[in-house]
N, C-alpha and C. Protein backbone atom coordinates (compact mmCIF):
# COMPACT_ATOMS: atom_id res chain seq x y z
N MET A 1 -30.19 11.75 44.08
CA MET A 1 -28.84 11.23 45.49
C MET A 1 -27.80 12.21 45.04
N THR A 2 -27.21 12.38 46.14
CA THR A 2 -26.15 13.53 46.07
C THR A 2 -24.44 12.99 46.48
N GLY A 3 -23.75 13.72 46.00
CA GLY A 3 -22.59 12.98 46.02
C GLY A 3 -21.92 13.26 47.61
N THR A 4 -21.03 13.14 47.90
CA THR A 4 -20.26 13.66 49.28
C THR A 4 -18.97 14.39 48.83
N LEU A 5 -18.57 14.79 49.89
CA LEU A 5 -17.40 15.73 49.86
C LEU A 5 -16.33 14.97 50.85
N TYR A 6 -15.27 14.87 50.42
CA TYR A 6 -14.44 14.46 51.11
C TYR A 6 -12.93 15.09 51.53
N GLY A 7 -12.94 15.97 52.92
CA GLY A 7 -11.26 16.38 53.12
C GLY A 7 -10.69 15.36 53.20
N ILE A 8 -9.62 15.68 52.48
CA ILE A 8 -8.50 14.11 52.80
C ILE A 8 -7.48 14.76 52.66
N GLY A 9 -6.53 14.56 54.17
CA GLY A 9 -5.39 15.03 54.32
C GLY A 9 -4.12 13.88 53.75
N VAL A 10 -3.45 14.48 53.15
CA VAL A 10 -2.78 14.17 52.31
C VAL A 10 -0.76 13.87 53.22
N GLY A 11 -1.03 14.48 54.49
CA GLY A 11 0.20 14.58 54.94
C GLY A 11 0.70 15.55 54.93
N PRO A 12 2.46 15.31 55.76
CA PRO A 12 3.29 16.33 55.29
C PRO A 12 4.30 16.26 54.21
N GLY A 13 4.15 15.64 53.49
CA GLY A 13 5.41 16.08 52.10
C GLY A 13 5.45 14.76 51.66
N ASP A 14 5.78 13.76 52.29
CA ASP A 14 5.92 12.43 51.90
C ASP A 14 5.21 11.19 51.35
N PRO A 15 5.14 11.03 50.07
CA PRO A 15 3.82 10.60 49.90
C PRO A 15 3.94 9.03 50.24
N GLU A 16 4.79 8.69 51.01
CA GLU A 16 4.77 6.98 51.42
C GLU A 16 3.75 7.62 53.08
N LEU A 17 3.56 8.71 53.46
CA LEU A 17 2.89 8.93 54.93
C LEU A 17 1.37 9.33 54.32
N MET A 18 0.69 8.78 53.20
CA MET A 18 -0.39 8.90 52.92
C MET A 18 -1.10 7.77 53.28
N THR A 19 -2.64 7.93 53.92
CA THR A 19 -2.97 6.66 54.33
C THR A 19 -3.40 5.82 53.39
N LEU A 20 -4.10 4.70 53.91
CA LEU A 20 -4.92 3.86 52.39
C LEU A 20 -6.11 4.23 52.18
N LYS A 21 -6.90 4.93 53.77
CA LYS A 21 -7.82 5.29 53.10
C LYS A 21 -7.65 6.26 52.29
N ALA A 22 -7.14 7.66 52.23
CA ALA A 22 -7.02 8.91 51.37
C ALA A 22 -6.31 8.37 50.01
N VAL A 23 -5.85 7.33 49.44
CA VAL A 23 -5.09 6.88 48.41
C VAL A 23 -6.75 6.29 47.82
N ARG A 24 -7.38 4.97 48.36
CA ARG A 24 -8.73 4.43 48.05
C ARG A 24 -9.65 5.12 47.89
N LEU A 25 -10.22 6.75 48.81
CA LEU A 25 -10.89 7.56 48.11
C LEU A 25 -10.61 8.29 46.84
N ILE A 26 -9.39 8.84 47.33
CA ILE A 26 -9.26 9.34 45.93
C ILE A 26 -9.05 9.06 44.81
N GLU A 27 -9.01 7.37 44.79
CA GLU A 27 -9.01 6.45 43.31
C GLU A 27 -10.74 6.44 43.19
N GLN A 28 -11.64 6.38 44.06
CA GLN A 28 -12.93 6.29 44.21
C GLN A 28 -13.53 7.51 43.83
N CYS A 29 -13.47 8.53 44.28
CA CYS A 29 -13.94 9.88 43.79
C CYS A 29 -14.04 10.41 42.49
N ASP A 30 -15.16 10.85 41.29
CA ASP A 30 -15.50 11.45 40.59
C ASP A 30 -14.16 12.71 40.26
N LEU A 31 -14.18 13.17 41.59
CA LEU A 31 -13.56 14.25 40.85
C LEU A 31 -12.07 14.80 42.34
N VAL A 32 -11.31 15.63 41.78
CA VAL A 32 -10.29 16.01 43.00
C VAL A 32 -10.40 17.49 43.34
N ALA A 33 -10.47 17.90 43.60
CA ALA A 33 -10.32 19.54 44.39
C ALA A 33 -9.20 19.77 44.65
N VAL A 34 -8.01 20.18 43.99
CA VAL A 34 -6.86 21.05 44.32
C VAL A 34 -7.12 22.37 44.53
N PRO A 35 -6.44 22.85 46.34
CA PRO A 35 -6.55 24.14 46.46
C PRO A 35 -5.34 24.97 45.65
N LYS A 36 -5.92 25.80 45.28
CA LYS A 36 -4.96 26.98 44.15
C LYS A 36 -4.55 28.15 44.98
N SER A 37 -3.45 28.53 45.45
CA SER A 37 -3.10 29.73 45.78
C SER A 37 -2.15 30.87 44.89
N GLY A 38 -2.16 30.44 44.27
CA GLY A 38 -1.08 31.64 43.35
C GLY A 38 -0.20 30.58 41.81
N ASP A 39 0.35 30.75 41.59
CA ASP A 39 1.20 30.46 40.28
C ASP A 39 1.72 28.88 40.75
N GLY A 40 2.06 27.64 39.76
CA GLY A 40 2.42 26.52 39.61
C GLY A 40 1.46 25.66 40.40
N GLU A 41 2.19 24.67 40.65
CA GLU A 41 1.29 23.38 41.00
C GLU A 41 1.25 23.43 42.57
N GLY A 42 0.32 23.11 43.22
CA GLY A 42 -0.28 23.03 44.51
C GLY A 42 0.68 21.54 45.15
N VAL A 43 1.15 21.97 46.37
CA VAL A 43 2.13 20.82 47.08
C VAL A 43 1.16 19.58 47.35
N ALA A 44 -0.36 19.51 47.54
CA ALA A 44 -1.19 18.70 48.06
C ALA A 44 -0.99 17.56 46.83
N LYS A 45 -1.49 18.37 45.67
CA LYS A 45 -1.72 17.89 44.49
C LYS A 45 -0.56 17.10 44.52
N GLN A 46 0.66 17.49 44.11
CA GLN A 46 2.01 16.83 43.93
C GLN A 46 2.30 15.59 44.66
N ILE A 47 2.24 15.89 45.87
CA ILE A 47 1.83 14.44 46.60
C ILE A 47 1.11 13.66 46.33
N ALA A 48 -0.11 13.88 46.08
CA ALA A 48 -0.97 12.73 45.84
C ALA A 48 -0.82 12.31 44.18
N GLN A 49 -0.31 13.13 43.49
CA GLN A 49 0.42 12.75 42.44
C GLN A 49 1.44 11.47 42.30
N LYS A 50 2.24 11.42 43.27
CA LYS A 50 3.02 10.26 43.50
C LYS A 50 2.62 9.28 44.54
N ALA A 51 1.42 9.17 44.92
CA ALA A 51 1.08 8.29 45.81
C ALA A 51 -0.38 7.46 45.24
N VAL A 52 -0.68 7.99 44.31
CA VAL A 52 -2.09 7.46 44.01
C VAL A 52 -2.40 6.99 42.74
N PRO A 53 -2.06 5.74 42.11
CA PRO A 53 -1.87 5.46 40.54
C PRO A 53 -2.91 6.07 40.05
N ASP A 54 -2.63 6.23 38.84
CA ASP A 54 -3.28 6.70 37.68
C ASP A 54 -3.99 7.94 37.89
N PHE A 55 -3.48 8.77 38.95
CA PHE A 55 -3.92 9.94 39.63
C PHE A 55 -4.05 11.26 38.55
N ASP A 56 -2.71 10.97 37.32
CA ASP A 56 -3.10 11.93 36.29
C ASP A 56 -4.06 11.78 34.98
N LYS A 57 -5.25 10.73 35.54
CA LYS A 57 -6.23 10.54 34.49
C LYS A 57 -7.09 10.42 35.40
N LYS A 58 -7.20 11.41 36.46
CA LYS A 58 -8.66 11.69 37.30
C LYS A 58 -8.97 13.25 37.07
N GLU A 59 -9.83 14.03 36.96
CA GLU A 59 -10.89 14.88 36.99
C GLU A 59 -10.52 15.97 37.78
N LEU A 60 -9.95 16.48 37.73
CA LEU A 60 -9.36 17.82 38.62
C LEU A 60 -9.91 18.99 38.79
N ILE A 61 -10.21 19.67 39.47
CA ILE A 61 -11.46 21.07 40.08
C ILE A 61 -10.16 22.20 40.65
N GLU A 62 -9.61 22.54 40.21
CA GLU A 62 -8.85 23.73 40.61
C GLU A 62 -9.75 24.96 41.90
N VAL A 63 -9.45 24.87 42.96
CA VAL A 63 -10.58 25.51 44.05
C VAL A 63 -9.69 27.03 44.50
N SER A 64 -9.90 28.10 44.17
CA SER A 64 -8.76 29.20 44.73
C SER A 64 -8.66 29.30 46.02
N MET A 65 -7.90 29.67 46.72
CA MET A 65 -7.29 29.61 48.41
C MET A 65 -6.62 30.45 48.29
N PRO A 66 -6.68 32.04 48.40
CA PRO A 66 -5.97 32.79 48.22
C PRO A 66 -4.99 33.01 49.93
N MET A 67 -3.52 33.22 49.77
CA MET A 67 -2.87 33.17 50.97
C MET A 67 -3.09 34.67 51.68
N THR A 68 -4.53 35.12 51.95
CA THR A 68 -4.24 36.47 52.84
C THR A 68 -4.56 36.10 54.14
N ARG A 69 -4.75 37.24 54.69
CA ARG A 69 -5.41 37.91 56.06
C ARG A 69 -6.93 38.28 56.31
N ASP A 70 -7.01 38.83 54.91
CA ASP A 70 -8.36 39.70 54.90
C ASP A 70 -9.48 38.91 54.89
N PRO A 71 -10.01 39.00 56.11
CA PRO A 71 -11.34 38.01 56.31
C PRO A 71 -12.39 38.24 55.30
N GLN A 72 -12.50 39.62 54.52
CA GLN A 72 -13.34 39.58 53.30
C GLN A 72 -13.12 38.20 52.33
N VAL A 73 -11.61 38.48 51.66
CA VAL A 73 -11.31 37.94 50.89
C VAL A 73 -11.38 36.34 51.32
N LEU A 74 -11.00 35.83 51.95
CA LEU A 74 -10.85 34.46 52.64
C LEU A 74 -13.10 34.09 52.69
N GLU A 75 -13.50 35.28 53.12
CA GLU A 75 -15.21 34.62 52.92
C GLU A 75 -15.52 34.41 51.73
N GLN A 76 -15.29 35.22 50.70
CA GLN A 76 -15.79 34.86 49.46
C GLN A 76 -14.82 33.79 49.08
N SER A 77 -13.66 33.58 49.11
CA SER A 77 -12.98 32.45 48.55
C SER A 77 -13.74 30.97 49.31
N HIS A 78 -13.77 31.03 50.78
CA HIS A 78 -14.60 29.89 50.70
C HIS A 78 -15.97 29.87 50.25
N GLN A 79 -16.73 30.75 50.16
CA GLN A 79 -18.29 30.71 49.92
C GLN A 79 -17.87 30.10 48.33
N ALA A 80 -17.38 30.99 47.36
CA ALA A 80 -17.25 30.50 46.16
C ALA A 80 -16.84 28.77 45.90
N ALA A 81 -15.93 28.50 47.05
CA ALA A 81 -15.34 27.28 46.69
C ALA A 81 -16.43 26.24 47.16
N ALA A 82 -17.55 26.32 48.00
CA ALA A 82 -18.28 25.74 48.47
C ALA A 82 -19.16 25.54 47.33
N GLU A 83 -19.42 26.35 46.93
CA GLU A 83 -20.74 26.87 46.01
C GLU A 83 -20.05 25.69 44.57
N GLN A 84 -19.13 25.79 44.32
CA GLN A 84 -18.43 25.25 43.03
C GLN A 84 -18.85 23.73 43.18
N ILE A 85 -18.11 23.25 44.31
CA ILE A 85 -18.30 21.96 44.94
C ILE A 85 -19.72 21.60 45.24
N GLU A 86 -20.09 22.26 45.57
CA GLU A 86 -21.90 21.94 45.75
C GLU A 86 -22.46 21.64 44.43
N GLY A 87 -22.07 22.05 43.22
CA GLY A 87 -22.82 21.94 42.07
C GLY A 87 -22.36 20.43 41.18
N TYR A 88 -20.95 19.92 41.61
CA TYR A 88 -20.76 19.00 41.77
C TYR A 88 -21.72 17.91 42.31
N LEU A 89 -21.82 18.20 43.79
CA LEU A 89 -22.16 16.98 44.66
C LEU A 89 -23.74 17.23 44.25
N LYS A 90 -24.74 17.92 43.45
CA LYS A 90 -25.86 18.05 43.27
C LYS A 90 -25.79 17.24 42.06
N GLU A 91 -24.94 17.03 40.86
CA GLU A 91 -24.86 15.93 40.23
C GLU A 91 -24.59 14.28 40.64
N GLY A 92 -24.33 14.43 42.00
CA GLY A 92 -24.41 13.06 42.33
C GLY A 92 -23.02 12.83 42.88
N LYS A 93 -21.79 13.69 41.99
CA LYS A 93 -20.45 12.99 42.13
C LYS A 93 -19.92 13.71 43.28
N SER A 94 -18.81 12.43 43.62
CA SER A 94 -18.01 12.47 44.60
C SER A 94 -16.87 13.35 44.40
N VAL A 95 -16.70 14.15 45.41
CA VAL A 95 -15.25 15.24 45.65
C VAL A 95 -14.50 14.91 47.04
N ALA A 96 -12.91 14.64 46.11
CA ALA A 96 -12.11 14.77 46.88
C ALA A 96 -11.41 16.19 47.12
N PHE A 97 -10.97 16.90 48.38
CA PHE A 97 -10.41 17.84 48.51
C PHE A 97 -9.84 18.02 49.05
N LEU A 98 -8.35 17.60 48.52
CA LEU A 98 -6.66 17.67 48.83
C LEU A 98 -6.81 18.92 49.84
N THR A 99 -5.83 18.44 51.04
CA THR A 99 -5.55 19.23 51.61
C THR A 99 -3.67 19.08 52.63
N LEU A 100 -2.85 19.75 52.75
CA LEU A 100 -1.61 18.95 53.57
C LEU A 100 -2.26 18.98 54.79
N GLY A 101 -1.42 17.88 55.21
CA GLY A 101 -1.28 17.68 56.76
C GLY A 101 -2.63 16.79 56.93
N ASP A 102 -3.28 17.27 57.83
CA ASP A 102 -4.62 16.61 58.51
C ASP A 102 -5.99 17.81 58.22
N PRO A 103 -6.64 17.51 57.73
CA PRO A 103 -7.88 18.05 57.88
C PRO A 103 -8.47 19.00 58.68
N ALA A 104 -8.43 18.74 59.91
CA ALA A 104 -8.70 19.15 61.14
C ALA A 104 -7.72 20.00 61.85
N ILE A 105 -6.40 20.20 61.53
CA ILE A 105 -5.41 20.80 62.08
C ILE A 105 -5.36 22.22 61.03
N TYR A 106 -5.37 23.26 61.27
CA TYR A 106 -5.05 24.62 60.43
C TYR A 106 -5.04 24.69 59.07
N SER A 107 -6.39 23.87 58.65
CA SER A 107 -6.61 23.68 57.37
C SER A 107 -7.53 24.53 57.03
N THR A 108 -6.91 24.80 55.78
CA THR A 108 -8.18 25.64 54.93
C THR A 108 -9.68 24.89 54.43
N TYR A 109 -9.28 23.73 53.91
CA TYR A 109 -10.44 23.24 53.63
C TYR A 109 -11.98 22.98 54.97
N ILE A 110 -11.23 23.29 56.40
CA ILE A 110 -12.52 23.14 56.96
C ILE A 110 -13.55 24.24 56.97
N TYR A 111 -12.97 25.07 56.67
CA TYR A 111 -14.42 26.40 56.11
C TYR A 111 -15.41 26.11 55.02
N VAL A 112 -14.42 25.33 54.27
CA VAL A 112 -15.26 25.06 52.93
C VAL A 112 -16.40 23.48 53.24
N HIS A 113 -15.53 22.80 53.94
CA HIS A 113 -16.44 21.59 54.52
C HIS A 113 -17.64 22.22 55.49
N LYS A 114 -17.76 22.92 56.44
CA LYS A 114 -18.68 23.73 57.01
C LYS A 114 -19.83 24.17 56.45
N LYS A 115 -19.37 25.18 55.54
CA LYS A 115 -20.30 25.53 54.68
C LYS A 115 -21.26 24.41 53.61
N VAL A 116 -20.27 23.37 53.22
CA VAL A 116 -21.12 22.57 52.49
C VAL A 116 -21.95 21.72 53.27
N GLN A 117 -21.37 21.00 54.80
CA GLN A 117 -22.15 20.31 55.08
C GLN A 117 -23.65 21.52 55.84
N GLN A 118 -23.35 22.43 56.13
CA GLN A 118 -24.61 23.39 56.58
C GLN A 118 -25.64 23.64 55.52
N ASN A 119 -25.00 23.03 54.09
CA ASN A 119 -26.22 23.44 53.15
C ASN A 119 -26.87 21.94 52.82
N GLY A 120 -26.41 20.99 53.98
CA GLY A 120 -27.30 19.52 53.88
C GLY A 120 -26.41 18.60 53.06
N PHE A 121 -25.15 18.44 52.83
CA PHE A 121 -24.68 17.98 51.78
C PHE A 121 -23.83 17.06 52.80
N PRO A 122 -23.69 15.87 52.46
CA PRO A 122 -22.68 14.51 53.28
C PRO A 122 -21.63 15.46 53.09
N VAL A 123 -20.73 15.49 54.40
CA VAL A 123 -19.01 15.44 54.29
C VAL A 123 -17.97 14.27 54.94
N GLU A 124 -17.01 14.35 54.51
CA GLU A 124 -16.12 13.45 55.29
C GLU A 124 -14.58 13.87 56.01
N MET A 125 -14.10 13.85 57.17
CA MET A 125 -13.04 14.24 56.62
C MET A 125 -12.07 12.91 56.90
N VAL A 126 -11.15 13.15 56.07
CA VAL A 126 -10.50 12.13 56.13
C VAL A 126 -8.56 12.53 57.08
N PRO A 127 -8.19 11.62 58.37
CA PRO A 127 -6.98 11.99 58.65
C PRO A 127 -5.81 12.00 58.25
N GLY A 128 -4.74 12.81 58.05
CA GLY A 128 -3.69 12.64 57.34
C GLY A 128 -2.66 12.84 58.48
N VAL A 129 -1.55 12.55 58.38
CA VAL A 129 0.13 12.46 59.21
C VAL A 129 -0.11 14.03 59.62
N PRO A 130 0.07 14.50 60.66
CA PRO A 130 0.60 16.15 60.44
C PRO A 130 2.23 16.24 60.78
N SER A 131 2.22 17.25 60.22
CA SER A 131 3.92 17.52 60.07
C SER A 131 4.62 17.67 61.55
N PHE A 132 3.61 17.75 62.69
CA PHE A 132 4.37 17.89 63.89
C PHE A 132 4.49 16.66 64.58
N CYS A 133 3.76 15.48 63.84
CA CYS A 133 4.44 14.09 64.54
C CYS A 133 5.09 13.40 63.13
N ALA A 134 5.45 13.94 62.09
CA ALA A 134 6.09 13.61 61.01
C ALA A 134 7.41 13.82 61.29
N VAL A 135 7.65 15.36 61.98
CA VAL A 135 8.83 16.06 62.93
C VAL A 135 9.69 15.02 63.88
N ALA A 136 8.70 14.49 64.67
CA ALA A 136 9.06 13.76 66.34
C ALA A 136 9.57 12.72 65.13
N ALA A 137 8.81 11.93 64.92
CA ALA A 137 9.25 10.60 64.05
C ALA A 137 10.47 10.78 63.54
N LYS A 138 10.75 11.67 62.74
CA LYS A 138 12.01 11.80 62.19
C LYS A 138 13.36 12.28 63.03
N LEU A 139 12.88 12.84 64.12
CA LEU A 139 13.85 13.12 65.32
C LEU A 139 13.65 12.17 66.49
N ASN A 140 13.14 11.05 66.13
CA ASN A 140 13.12 9.95 67.40
C ASN A 140 12.82 10.00 68.51
N VAL A 141 12.08 10.99 68.86
CA VAL A 141 10.82 11.58 69.68
C VAL A 141 9.76 11.50 69.84
N SER A 142 9.83 10.97 71.68
CA SER A 142 7.74 11.07 71.65
C SER A 142 7.82 12.62 72.07
N LEU A 143 6.54 12.90 71.65
CA LEU A 143 5.14 13.99 72.08
C LEU A 143 4.64 14.25 73.33
N ALA A 144 4.55 13.14 73.66
CA ALA A 144 3.74 12.90 74.57
C ALA A 144 4.25 12.35 76.14
N GLU A 145 5.51 11.78 76.10
CA GLU A 145 6.15 11.14 77.08
C GLU A 145 5.91 11.73 78.27
N ILE A 146 5.34 11.41 79.09
CA ILE A 146 5.18 12.08 80.40
C ILE A 146 6.61 12.30 81.22
N PRO A 147 7.09 13.43 81.46
CA PRO A 147 8.11 13.32 82.76
C PRO A 147 7.90 13.60 83.85
N TYR A 148 7.23 12.38 84.09
CA TYR A 148 6.73 12.26 85.69
C TYR A 148 6.84 10.68 86.28
N SER A 149 7.09 10.65 87.16
CA SER A 149 7.62 9.58 87.88
C SER A 149 6.60 8.73 89.05
N ARG A 150 5.56 9.73 89.46
CA ARG A 150 4.98 9.31 90.62
C ARG A 150 3.71 9.93 90.79
N ILE A 151 2.85 9.71 91.51
CA ILE A 151 1.53 10.60 91.82
C ILE A 151 1.62 10.68 93.53
N ASN A 152 1.62 11.85 93.27
CA ASN A 152 1.63 12.65 94.56
C ASN A 152 0.04 12.60 95.60
N SER A 153 0.06 11.91 96.51
CA SER A 153 -1.39 11.73 97.15
C SER A 153 -1.51 12.64 97.87
N ARG A 154 -0.80 13.71 98.12
CA ARG A 154 -1.92 14.78 98.78
C ARG A 154 -2.68 15.11 98.79
N THR A 155 -3.05 15.35 97.21
CA THR A 155 -4.53 16.18 96.73
C THR A 155 -5.21 14.76 96.54
N SER A 156 -6.93 14.98 96.45
CA SER A 156 -7.48 14.70 96.11
C SER A 156 -7.66 13.71 94.77
N CYS A 157 -7.61 14.61 93.65
CA CYS A 157 -7.32 13.82 92.59
C CYS A 157 -6.06 13.56 92.19
N GLY A 158 -4.95 14.32 92.97
CA GLY A 158 -3.17 13.42 92.64
C GLY A 158 -2.95 14.44 91.41
N SER A 159 -1.66 14.55 92.22
CA SER A 159 -0.89 15.44 90.87
C SER A 159 0.27 15.03 90.70
N LEU A 160 0.92 15.12 89.77
CA LEU A 160 2.06 14.31 89.16
C LEU A 160 3.33 15.02 90.03
N SER A 161 4.31 14.54 90.21
CA SER A 161 5.32 15.33 90.90
C SER A 161 6.64 15.14 89.14
N PRO A 162 7.13 16.07 89.11
CA PRO A 162 8.39 16.06 88.01
C PRO A 162 9.61 15.17 88.42
N LYS A 163 9.57 14.62 87.13
CA LYS A 163 11.20 13.96 87.39
C LYS A 163 11.82 14.68 86.54
N PRO A 164 12.87 15.29 86.60
CA PRO A 164 13.36 16.03 85.68
C PRO A 164 14.20 15.41 84.45
N THR A 165 13.64 15.65 83.55
CA THR A 165 14.40 15.21 82.28
C THR A 165 14.90 16.34 81.66
N ARG A 166 15.94 15.62 80.38
CA ARG A 166 16.78 16.91 79.67
C ARG A 166 16.11 16.36 78.35
N PRO A 167 16.00 17.28 77.36
CA PRO A 167 15.18 16.95 76.13
C PRO A 167 16.47 16.16 75.36
N PRO A 168 16.42 15.32 74.01
CA PRO A 168 17.34 14.66 73.22
C PRO A 168 18.13 15.90 72.93
N PRO A 169 19.62 15.40 72.27
CA PRO A 169 20.63 16.39 72.08
C PRO A 169 20.02 17.04 70.93
N GLN A 170 19.37 16.39 69.59
CA GLN A 170 18.94 17.05 68.63
C GLN A 170 17.92 18.29 68.94
N ILE A 171 17.15 17.98 70.15
CA ILE A 171 16.13 19.12 70.35
C ILE A 171 16.69 20.27 71.38
N GLN A 172 17.89 20.01 72.09
CA GLN A 172 18.42 21.50 72.87
C GLN A 172 19.24 21.89 72.09
N SER A 173 18.85 23.29 72.02
CA SER A 173 19.97 23.88 71.22
C SER A 173 21.28 24.10 71.62
N ALA A 174 22.32 23.91 70.97
CA ALA A 174 23.54 24.49 71.25
C ALA A 174 23.69 25.47 72.11
N GLY A 175 24.63 25.67 72.78
CA GLY A 175 25.33 27.03 73.52
C GLY A 175 23.98 27.13 74.39
N GLU A 176 22.75 26.72 74.96
CA GLU A 176 21.80 27.40 75.45
C GLU A 176 21.76 26.52 76.42
N PRO A 177 21.11 27.32 77.84
CA PRO A 177 21.14 26.29 79.38
C PRO A 177 20.12 25.57 79.17
N TYR A 178 19.87 24.13 79.71
CA TYR A 178 18.72 23.60 79.72
C TYR A 178 17.81 23.90 80.94
N ILE A 179 16.56 24.50 80.46
CA ILE A 179 15.93 24.96 82.05
C ILE A 179 14.77 24.38 82.15
N ASP A 180 14.76 23.27 82.82
CA ASP A 180 13.38 22.38 83.42
C ASP A 180 12.02 22.99 83.17
N PRO A 181 11.29 22.58 82.13
CA PRO A 181 10.23 23.41 82.39
C PRO A 181 8.88 23.02 83.59
N ILE A 182 9.17 22.23 84.25
CA ILE A 182 8.08 21.93 85.76
C ILE A 182 8.74 23.00 86.75
N SER A 183 10.25 22.84 86.78
CA SER A 183 11.26 23.45 88.11
C SER A 183 11.42 24.68 87.84
N HIS A 184 11.71 24.72 86.63
CA HIS A 184 12.22 26.31 86.28
C HIS A 184 13.72 26.68 86.58
N GLN A 185 14.34 25.17 86.98
CA GLN A 185 16.05 25.13 87.65
C GLN A 185 16.87 24.35 86.04
N SER A 186 17.83 24.73 86.00
CA SER A 186 18.71 24.49 85.72
C SER A 186 19.35 23.09 86.18
């Protein structure tokens, strides 16, 4: 029986924003893969250390994830990471791969995920709080509030008629005129 690779989003930096599922799976997995891109401890590891009881007793494996735009270097590091993790999965060990934010949003994890999955191993992504949602919550603003008040019935599928709204003061830059994104009027 092979192990499972879990891509675990640890959120935007606040350990209290890690999901219960993320904490539980990190506790249950045999190994924790931590991305390494330079000197020092990775941020994802630091977040998990503060949220997961007995994290320091977990067996860790460092996975090289260089910060580069060179496609060949990236491909080589993703391939090496997949092979490294697959070795543990073949032994029946489960691996929690930590990633900042959410594994489905601009994550280096997804490249390893796809390679491991293509090689026939079980994989699962565990969502984390993305940074843009954490920022919106901190600012007490909605990211999806519809600034429309009524449906215009002139078209067969309807169209939304704009109701001009101003962004909250903490979003609007001081000294800049507000331009409505729909009407383009100030």
